Amino acid sequence: MSHFLEGKKIIVAGSGFAGLAFVVTLRQRWDNALEFPDIVIYDRDSRELSQKREGYSLSVNGMEKDSGLIAMRDVGLLDEALKHAVTGADSVRSFRMWDKDWNALMAMNFKPYDGLPTAGIRIARKDLRNMLLEAGESSDKIVWDTICTSAERLDSGRIRIHLSHGDETSTDECDLLIAADGAHSKIRASVRPEDGLIYEGVTQMGGIGVFPDGIPKPVDESWGVAVSGQGVSCFMSPIDKQRVVWALSQEEAEPRPKLDNTSAEQTAAFMDEAKRIGHMMGGPFPAVLAATDPNSAFVLPARDKQPFSHETVPSGIVFIGDSNHAVSPFAGNGANLALKDGWDLATQLCGSKTLEEAVSAYDKLAVPRAVRTVKSSHNRMGIAHCTGVKYTLLRGAFGVGSWFMWMAGKS
């Protein structure tokens, strides 16, 4: 029995979580009696720069069927992921919502899904990426430092990809293009130029505090968000035993320009502003701010976009992860969506009779969960920056049903 992808060429634009999860899953699920497709992965960064971008931690959940830990288990990487957990074996239990003085307002406690050993972990992004890279790079070709700038469907039905490498340009062709090139996807811009990111009226500013002798309590064993009731919140989480990432946020009408954290003048002004905006924050915040590496400072406007299905996308191009449904940091679910997108698309491709059947089945899985995630992130933004009577009422509700699973985002 033949398969519509047997011996064909697949190009994956981007070697992030979604793209690598797709490649690893496709190899695992493929019928070994059939000729495996030729896979080429293009990534915009050099391998070295790619590693430098991975300087924070994230949540991988295991509370429902769409959790990232389900995908990690199914591709055989769960045990390795658990070894790298930074807040213990269950990050859901270590999640907290604090007040401005870091008194706990809410804790989480949910059961693991489908026999998983934990309901969730915090893991350094670089560790999760390296696991997937090791599995994906061992079998498939990754072309580093090469940007996929646009794509088009040819009369032959194949897909032509335009590439940029420094001052050089070239093209490549394939039978299936997996667009996993992130929130600012150039492929999406070429195929769906009207479908850009939307600023949601909130901006984060943060960095990484470095503590050679160990990070301060309570973020040595927990992570979460402090809600001041004065329109400012502060996210904080350990990255490892010596580093903690923090991010103040507040509502701002317009997005800020990108911070140049190589400029001593800009980073000095940044630190002064963070101290002013977060003046009400107690607990570990003053110490973490004082210990912040200026070169880690960042300003991040909260942007996202709604997901889309593929009925109007040229056949042979499939968007997964942030390229389809970019989420802001308030979602807390981006890695889970990416891992499940990669798993689900590869699984549907292996089990379907046609490309159209596979993509349609994938859309039915991927779009609803992304819609839920975007909606929950908007609810979280409202809670994190509430003031006055609303804050008083919400503070009284914290802990009731763990505030409906942290507004249905499941931490």
Protein backbone atom coordinates (compact mmCIF):
# COMPACT_ATOMS: atom_id res chain seq x y z
CA MET A 1 0.00 0.00 0.00
CA SER A 2 1.38 3.42 -0.97
CA HIS A 3 1.12 6.74 0.86
CA PHE A 4 0.67 10.20 -0.66
CA LEU A 5 3.88 11.42 1.04
CA GLU A 6 5.98 8.36 0.25
CA GLY A 7 9.30 9.49 -1.19
CA LYS A 8 8.10 13.11 -1.35
CA LYS A 9 9.94 16.18 -0.07
CA ILE A 10 8.83 18.07 3.03
CA ILE A 11 10.29 21.42 4.05
CA VAL A 12 9.83 22.58 7.65
CA ALA A 13 10.31 26.31 8.16
CA GLY A 14 11.50 26.74 11.74
CA SER A 15 13.10 24.43 14.29
CA GLY A 16 11.09 25.52 17.31
CA PHE A 17 8.86 23.28 19.39
CA ALA A 18 6.14 22.84 16.77
CA GLY A 19 8.45 22.11 13.84
CA LEU A 20 10.66 19.70 15.76
CA ALA A 21 7.70 17.93 17.38
CA PHE A 22 6.28 17.42 13.90
CA VAL A 23 9.49 15.90 12.55
CA VAL A 24 10.07 13.63 15.55
CA THR A 25 6.46 12.42 15.50
CA LEU A 26 6.43 11.80 11.75
CA ARG A 27 9.46 9.54 12.05
CA GLN A 28 7.93 7.68 14.97
CA ARG A 29 4.50 7.18 13.39
CA TRP A 30 5.62 6.43 9.82
CA ASP A 31 5.10 2.94 8.39
CA ASN A 32 8.63 1.55 8.04
CA ALA A 33 7.53 -0.50 5.03
CA LEU A 34 7.17 2.77 3.09
CA GLU A 35 9.87 5.10 1.81
CA PHE A 36 10.19 7.97 4.28
CA PRO A 37 9.85 11.51 2.91
CA ASP A 38 12.94 13.65 2.42
CA ILE A 39 12.83 16.33 5.14
CA VAL A 40 14.76 19.61 5.18
CA ILE A 41 14.43 22.04 8.10
CA TYR A 42 15.34 25.69 7.63
CA ASP A 43 15.94 27.93 10.66
CA ARG A 44 16.48 31.68 10.62
CA ASP A 45 19.14 31.60 13.37
CA SER A 46 22.59 30.12 13.53
CA ARG A 47 22.76 27.16 15.88
CA GLU A 48 24.75 29.25 18.38
CA LEU A 49 22.33 32.21 18.32
CA SER A 50 19.41 29.82 18.59
CA GLN A 51 20.81 28.57 21.91
CA LYS A 52 21.25 32.12 23.23
CA ARG A 53 17.57 32.91 22.63
CA GLU A 54 16.42 30.18 25.00
CA GLY A 55 16.99 32.06 28.26
CA TYR A 56 13.82 31.48 30.24
CA SER A 57 11.54 28.75 31.59
CA LEU A 58 8.05 27.71 30.55
CA SER A 59 5.15 25.47 31.54
CA VAL A 60 4.48 22.08 30.00
CA ASN A 61 1.17 20.80 31.32
CA GLY A 62 -0.25 17.34 31.85
CA MET A 63 -3.83 17.97 32.96
CA GLU A 64 -5.81 17.17 29.80
CA LYS A 65 -5.59 15.48 26.41
CA ASP A 66 -4.19 18.61 24.74
CA SER A 67 -1.31 18.94 27.22
CA GLY A 68 2.29 19.14 26.10
CA LEU A 69 3.36 16.32 28.42
CA ILE A 70 1.04 13.98 26.51
CA ALA A 71 2.98 14.80 23.34
CA MET A 72 6.31 14.40 25.15
CA ARG A 73 5.23 11.00 26.47
CA ASP A 74 4.03 9.86 23.08
CA VAL A 75 7.34 10.75 21.37
CA GLY A 76 9.32 9.07 24.15
CA LEU A 77 10.81 12.19 25.76
CA LEU A 78 8.77 12.43 28.97
CA ASP A 79 11.36 10.90 31.30
CA GLU A 80 14.07 13.20 29.95
CA ALA A 81 11.81 16.23 30.39
CA LEU A 82 11.04 15.33 34.00
CA LYS A 83 14.77 15.26 34.79
CA HIS A 84 14.98 18.96 33.86
CA ALA A 85 11.99 20.24 35.88
CA VAL A 86 13.05 23.44 37.68
CA THR A 87 10.35 23.67 40.39
CA GLY A 88 10.09 20.01 41.30
CA ALA A 89 8.14 17.21 39.72
CA ASP A 90 4.79 19.04 39.80
CA SER A 91 4.80 22.69 38.72
CA VAL A 92 1.03 22.95 39.12
CA ARG A 93 1.37 22.46 42.87
CA SER A 94 4.18 25.04 42.92
CA PHE A 95 2.16 27.70 41.06
CA ARG A 96 1.06 30.66 43.17
CA MET A 97 -0.85 33.86 42.79
CA TRP A 98 0.52 36.37 45.28
CA ASP A 99 -0.44 39.82 46.47
CA LYS A 100 2.04 42.69 46.24
CA ASP A 101 3.83 41.49 49.38
CA TRP A 102 4.06 37.93 48.08
CA ASN A 103 1.40 36.53 50.39
CA ALA A 104 -0.20 33.58 48.62
CA LEU A 105 -3.72 34.23 47.32
CA MET A 106 -4.16 31.05 45.33
CA ALA A 107 -2.52 27.68 44.80
CA MET A 108 -3.30 24.97 42.26
CA ASN A 109 -3.85 21.24 42.70
CA PHE A 110 -4.99 19.15 39.72
CA LYS A 111 -4.75 15.49 38.88
CA PRO A 112 -2.44 14.30 36.09
CA TYR A 113 -4.20 13.16 32.92
CA ASP A 114 -4.21 9.62 31.56
CA GLY A 115 -1.63 8.09 33.88
CA LEU A 116 0.97 10.86 33.61
CA PRO A 117 3.27 11.10 36.65
CA THR A 118 2.62 14.84 37.06
CA ALA A 119 0.08 17.51 36.15
CA GLY A 120 2.79 19.81 34.85
CA ILE A 121 6.40 20.98 35.01
CA ARG A 122 8.40 24.16 34.59
CA ILE A 123 11.37 23.56 32.36
CA ALA A 124 14.09 25.77 30.91
CA ARG A 125 13.24 26.50 27.29
CA LYS A 126 16.76 25.57 26.20
CA ASP A 127 16.45 22.12 27.81
CA LEU A 128 13.16 21.35 26.09
CA ARG A 129 14.46 22.65 22.77
CA ASN A 130 17.68 20.64 23.06
CA MET A 131 15.75 17.40 23.66
CA LEU A 132 13.74 17.93 20.50
CA LEU A 133 16.80 19.10 18.56
CA GLU A 134 18.76 16.01 19.51
CA ALA A 135 15.92 13.78 18.35
CA GLY A 136 15.21 15.75 15.18
CA GLU A 137 18.71 16.71 14.10
CA SER A 138 20.01 13.16 14.37
CA SER A 139 17.90 12.02 11.42
CA ASP A 140 17.00 15.10 9.41
CA LYS A 141 18.90 17.98 7.86
CA ILE A 142 18.72 21.39 9.55
CA VAL A 143 19.97 24.32 7.49
CA TRP A 144 20.84 27.07 9.95
CA ASP A 145 20.96 30.83 9.43
CA THR A 146 18.51 30.69 6.53
CA ILE A 147 15.20 32.58 6.45
CA CYS A 148 12.16 31.36 4.55
CA THR A 149 10.95 34.74 3.27
CA SER A 150 7.87 33.66 1.27
CA ALA A 151 6.14 30.72 -0.38
CA GLU A 152 3.98 30.13 -3.44
CA ARG A 153 2.13 27.21 -5.00
CA LEU A 154 3.26 26.36 -8.52
CA ASP A 155 1.07 25.16 -11.37
CA SER A 156 2.63 21.73 -10.87
CA GLY A 157 1.17 21.59 -7.35
CA ARG A 158 4.58 21.85 -5.68
CA ILE A 159 5.50 24.64 -3.27
CA ARG A 160 8.35 27.04 -3.99
CA ILE A 161 10.05 28.62 -0.98
CA HIS A 162 12.16 31.76 -1.26
CA LEU A 163 15.21 31.73 1.00
CA SER A 164 17.60 34.35 2.34
CA HIS A 165 21.05 33.60 3.75
CA GLY A 166 22.95 36.78 4.54
CA ASP A 167 23.27 38.67 1.27
CA GLU A 168 22.41 35.62 -0.79
CA THR A 169 18.98 34.52 -1.98
CA SER A 170 17.81 31.23 -3.43
CA THR A 171 14.75 29.02 -3.78
CA ASP A 172 13.81 25.48 -2.90
CA GLU A 173 10.81 23.35 -3.79
CA CYS A 174 8.84 20.71 -1.94
CA ASP A 175 5.61 18.75 -1.97
CA LEU A 176 4.58 19.85 1.53
CA LEU A 177 5.61 22.97 3.45
CA ILE A 178 5.18 23.03 7.22
CA ALA A 179 5.22 26.68 8.28
CA ALA A 180 6.49 26.67 11.86
CA ASP A 181 8.38 29.95 11.66
CA GLY A 182 6.88 31.64 14.69
CA ALA A 183 4.63 34.54 15.61
CA HIS A 184 6.20 36.85 13.03
CA SER A 185 5.95 34.22 10.29
CA LYS A 186 7.15 35.52 6.94
CA ILE A 187 5.40 32.65 5.21
CA ARG A 188 2.10 33.67 6.79
CA ALA A 189 2.75 37.26 5.72
CA SER A 190 3.21 36.12 2.11
CA VAL A 191 0.17 33.82 2.03
CA ARG A 192 -2.17 35.68 4.42
CA PRO A 193 -0.89 39.29 4.41
CA GLU A 194 -3.93 40.60 6.31
CA ASP A 195 -3.48 38.15 9.20
CA GLY A 196 -1.00 39.91 11.46
CA LEU A 197 -0.52 40.16 15.21
CA ILE A 198 -2.81 42.32 17.34
CA TYR A 199 -1.56 44.37 20.29
CA GLU A 200 -3.75 43.65 23.31
CA GLY A 201 -3.04 46.80 25.31
CA VAL A 202 -0.59 45.33 27.84
CA THR A 203 3.21 45.55 27.90
CA GLN A 204 5.72 43.52 29.90
CA MET A 205 9.16 44.68 30.95
CA GLY A 206 11.52 42.27 32.64
CA GLY A 207 14.82 40.46 32.77
CA ILE A 208 16.79 37.74 34.52
CA GLY A 209 18.07 38.08 38.08
CA VAL A 210 21.30 36.19 38.76
CA PHE A 211 22.04 34.74 42.22
CA PRO A 212 25.29 32.71 42.42
CA ASP A 213 24.40 31.54 45.95
CA GLY A 214 20.83 30.56 45.13
CA ILE A 215 17.66 32.46 44.27
CA PRO A 216 15.52 33.99 47.04
CA LYS A 217 12.35 32.55 48.55
CA PRO A 218 9.62 31.87 47.63
CA VAL A 219 10.65 31.59 43.97
CA ASP A 220 13.30 29.02 44.78
CA GLU A 221 10.46 26.49 44.97
CA SER A 222 7.47 28.22 43.36
CA TRP A 223 6.50 30.41 40.44
CA GLY A 224 3.55 32.56 39.51
CA VAL A 225 2.21 36.10 39.34
CA ALA A 226 1.90 38.82 41.96
CA VAL A 227 -1.19 41.01 41.52
CA SER A 228 -0.82 44.41 43.16
CA GLY A 229 -4.39 45.68 42.85
CA GLN A 230 -2.86 48.90 41.51
CA GLY A 231 -2.80 48.02 37.82
CA VAL A 232 0.62 46.34 37.91
CA SER A 233 1.44 42.64 38.06
CA CYS A 234 4.73 40.77 38.27
CA PHE A 235 5.40 37.32 36.85
CA MET A 236 8.33 35.46 38.39
CA SER A 237 9.76 31.98 37.84
CA PRO A 238 13.07 30.20 38.38
CA ILE A 239 15.03 29.21 35.29
CA ASP A 240 17.52 27.11 37.23
CA LYS A 241 19.11 27.15 40.70
CA GLN A 242 20.82 30.51 40.14
CA ARG A 243 18.57 32.48 37.80
CA VAL A 244 15.02 33.81 37.98
CA VAL A 245 13.06 35.53 35.21
CA TRP A 246 10.69 38.35 36.10
CA ALA A 247 8.29 40.53 34.15
CA LEU A 248 6.33 43.55 35.33
CA SER A 249 3.25 44.35 33.27
CA GLN A 250 0.66 47.09 33.02
CA GLU A 251 -1.92 48.33 30.56
CA GLU A 252 -0.52 50.76 27.99
CA ALA A 253 -2.45 52.23 25.06
CA GLU A 254 0.36 51.82 22.54
CA PRO A 255 3.08 49.16 22.18
CA ARG A 256 6.58 50.23 23.15
CA PRO A 257 9.53 50.06 20.78
CA LYS A 258 12.05 47.28 21.20
CA LEU A 259 14.62 47.81 23.95
CA ASP A 260 18.30 47.83 22.96
CA ASN A 261 19.74 45.93 25.92
CA THR A 262 23.28 46.47 24.63
CA SER A 263 22.89 50.21 25.31
CA ALA A 264 24.01 51.20 28.80
CA GLU A 265 21.87 54.33 28.60
CA GLN A 266 18.70 52.43 27.65
CA THR A 267 19.18 49.68 30.23
CA ALA A 268 19.86 52.22 33.00
CA ALA A 269 16.64 54.03 32.12
CA PHE A 270 14.86 50.66 31.96
CA MET A 271 15.98 49.71 35.48
CA ASP A 272 14.90 53.07 36.86
CA GLU A 273 11.48 52.73 35.23
CA ALA A 274 11.03 49.16 36.48
CA LYS A 275 11.80 50.34 40.01
CA ARG A 276 9.25 53.13 39.65
CA ILE A 277 6.48 51.02 38.10
CA GLY A 278 7.02 48.18 40.58
CA HIS A 279 7.48 50.43 43.62
CA MET A 280 4.62 48.71 45.46
CA MET A 281 6.04 45.21 44.99
CA GLY A 282 7.63 43.63 48.05
CA GLY A 283 8.74 40.05 48.59
CA PRO A 284 11.67 39.03 46.40
CA PHE A 285 11.08 41.72 43.77
CA PRO A 286 13.55 44.39 45.01
CA ALA A 287 16.35 41.82 45.32
CA VAL A 288 15.59 40.26 41.93
CA LEU A 289 15.50 43.66 40.26
CA ALA A 290 18.82 44.63 41.85
CA ALA A 291 20.38 41.34 40.66
CA THR A 292 19.14 41.68 37.08
CA ASP A 293 21.69 41.31 34.30
CA PRO A 294 21.17 44.45 32.16
CA ASN A 295 21.87 42.46 28.99
CA SER A 296 18.83 40.28 29.76
CA ALA A 297 16.41 43.23 29.96
CA PHE A 298 13.45 43.10 27.60
CA VAL A 299 10.27 44.96 26.70
CA LEU A 300 7.50 42.77 25.31
CA PRO A 301 4.16 44.15 24.12
CA ALA A 302 1.46 41.47 24.51
CA ARG A 303 0.45 40.48 21.00
CA ASP A 304 -1.54 37.53 19.73
CA LYS A 305 -3.84 36.41 16.92
CA GLN A 306 -6.76 34.10 16.40
CA PRO A 307 -6.11 30.68 14.80
CA PHE A 308 -7.26 29.82 11.31
CA SER A 309 -8.17 26.65 9.47
CA HIS A 310 -6.72 25.84 6.07
CA GLU A 311 -9.65 25.98 3.64
CA THR A 312 -8.35 29.19 2.07
CA VAL A 313 -4.64 28.36 2.34
CA PRO A 314 -2.92 27.05 -0.81
CA SER A 315 -2.89 23.25 -0.74
CA GLY A 316 0.48 21.94 0.37
CA ILE A 317 1.13 24.63 3.00
CA VAL A 318 0.23 23.97 6.64
CA PHE A 319 0.72 26.43 9.51
CA ILE A 320 1.43 25.10 13.01
CA GLY A 321 2.38 26.62 16.35
CA ASP A 322 2.77 30.38 16.67
CA SER A 323 2.75 30.86 12.90
CA ASN A 324 -0.94 29.95 13.03
CA HIS A 325 -2.06 31.13 16.48
CA ALA A 326 0.50 33.31 18.21
CA VAL A 327 -0.22 33.80 21.91
CA SER A 328 1.05 36.31 24.45
CA PRO A 329 2.98 35.37 27.60
CA PHE A 330 -0.31 35.60 29.51
CA ALA A 331 -1.53 32.45 27.78
CA GLY A 332 0.94 30.23 29.62
CA ASN A 333 0.16 27.59 27.02
CA GLY A 334 2.21 28.34 23.92
CA ALA A 335 4.62 25.42 24.28
CA ASN A 336 1.75 23.00 24.89
CA LEU A 337 -0.05 24.16 21.75
CA ALA A 338 3.14 23.87 19.69
CA LEU A 339 3.98 20.36 20.90
CA LYS A 340 0.44 19.11 20.31
CA ASP A 341 0.23 20.79 16.90
CA GLY A 342 3.37 18.97 15.79
CA TRP A 343 2.16 15.64 17.15
CA ASP A 344 -1.38 15.93 15.80
CA LEU A 345 -0.44 17.03 12.29
CA ALA A 346 2.15 14.29 11.87
CA THR A 347 -0.25 11.69 13.25
CA GLN A 348 -3.04 12.76 10.91
CA LEU A 349 -0.69 12.76 7.91
CA CYS A 350 0.44 9.22 8.69
CA GLY A 351 -3.09 7.92 9.14
CA SER A 352 -4.96 9.66 6.32
CA LYS A 353 -5.49 8.72 2.68
CA THR A 354 -5.03 12.24 1.30
CA LEU A 355 -3.38 15.49 2.33
CA GLU A 356 -6.74 17.26 2.37
CA GLU A 357 -8.21 14.67 4.74
CA ALA A 358 -5.22 14.96 7.08
CA VAL A 359 -5.24 18.76 7.22
CA SER A 360 -9.00 18.90 7.79
CA ALA A 361 -8.71 16.44 10.69
CA TYR A 362 -5.78 18.43 12.10
CA ASP A 363 -7.75 21.69 11.97
CA LYS A 364 -10.58 20.14 13.97
CA LEU A 365 -8.09 19.37 16.74
CA ALA A 366 -5.85 22.44 16.65
CA VAL A 367 -8.21 25.36 16.11
CA PRO A 368 -10.58 24.87 19.08
CA ARG A 369 -7.79 24.51 21.65
CA ALA A 370 -6.05 27.62 20.31
CA VAL A 371 -9.30 29.61 20.48
CA ARG A 372 -9.69 28.59 24.13
CA THR A 373 -6.12 29.58 24.91
CA VAL A 374 -6.38 33.05 23.36
CA LYS A 375 -9.64 33.69 25.21
CA SER A 376 -8.22 32.59 28.57
CA SER A 377 -5.14 34.78 28.08
CA HIS A 378 -7.34 37.85 27.64
CA ASN A 379 -9.19 36.97 30.86
CA ARG A 380 -5.86 36.65 32.67
CA MET A 381 -4.73 40.08 31.49
CA GLY A 382 -7.86 41.61 32.97
CA ILE A 383 -7.34 39.91 36.33
CA ALA A 384 -3.61 40.64 36.54
CA HIS A 385 -4.16 44.39 36.14
CA CYS A 386 -7.46 44.90 37.98
CA THR A 387 -7.86 47.64 40.60
CA GLY A 388 -10.34 48.93 43.16
CA VAL A 389 -13.58 47.08 43.81
CA LYS A 390 -12.85 44.52 41.09
CA TYR A 391 -9.58 43.59 42.77
CA THR A 392 -11.29 43.32 46.17
CA LEU A 393 -13.97 41.03 44.77
CA LEU A 394 -11.51 38.91 42.82
CA ARG A 395 -9.21 38.60 45.81
CA GLY A 396 -12.12 37.13 47.73
CA ALA A 397 -12.77 34.70 44.90
CA PHE A 398 -9.17 33.49 44.61
CA GLY A 399 -8.96 29.91 45.77
CA VAL A 400 -12.58 29.11 44.83
CA GLY A 401 -12.09 26.30 42.36
CA SER A 402 -8.52 27.62 42.10
CA TRP A 403 -10.21 30.55 40.38
CA PHE A 404 -11.70 28.26 37.79
CA MET A 405 -8.33 26.75 36.93
CA TRP A 406 -6.75 30.23 36.67
CA MET A 407 -9.44 31.40 34.28
CA ALA A 408 -9.48 28.15 32.29
CA GLY A 409 -5.84 28.48 31.27
CA LYS A 410 -4.89 25.67 33.68
CA SER A 411 -1.85 27.66 34.90
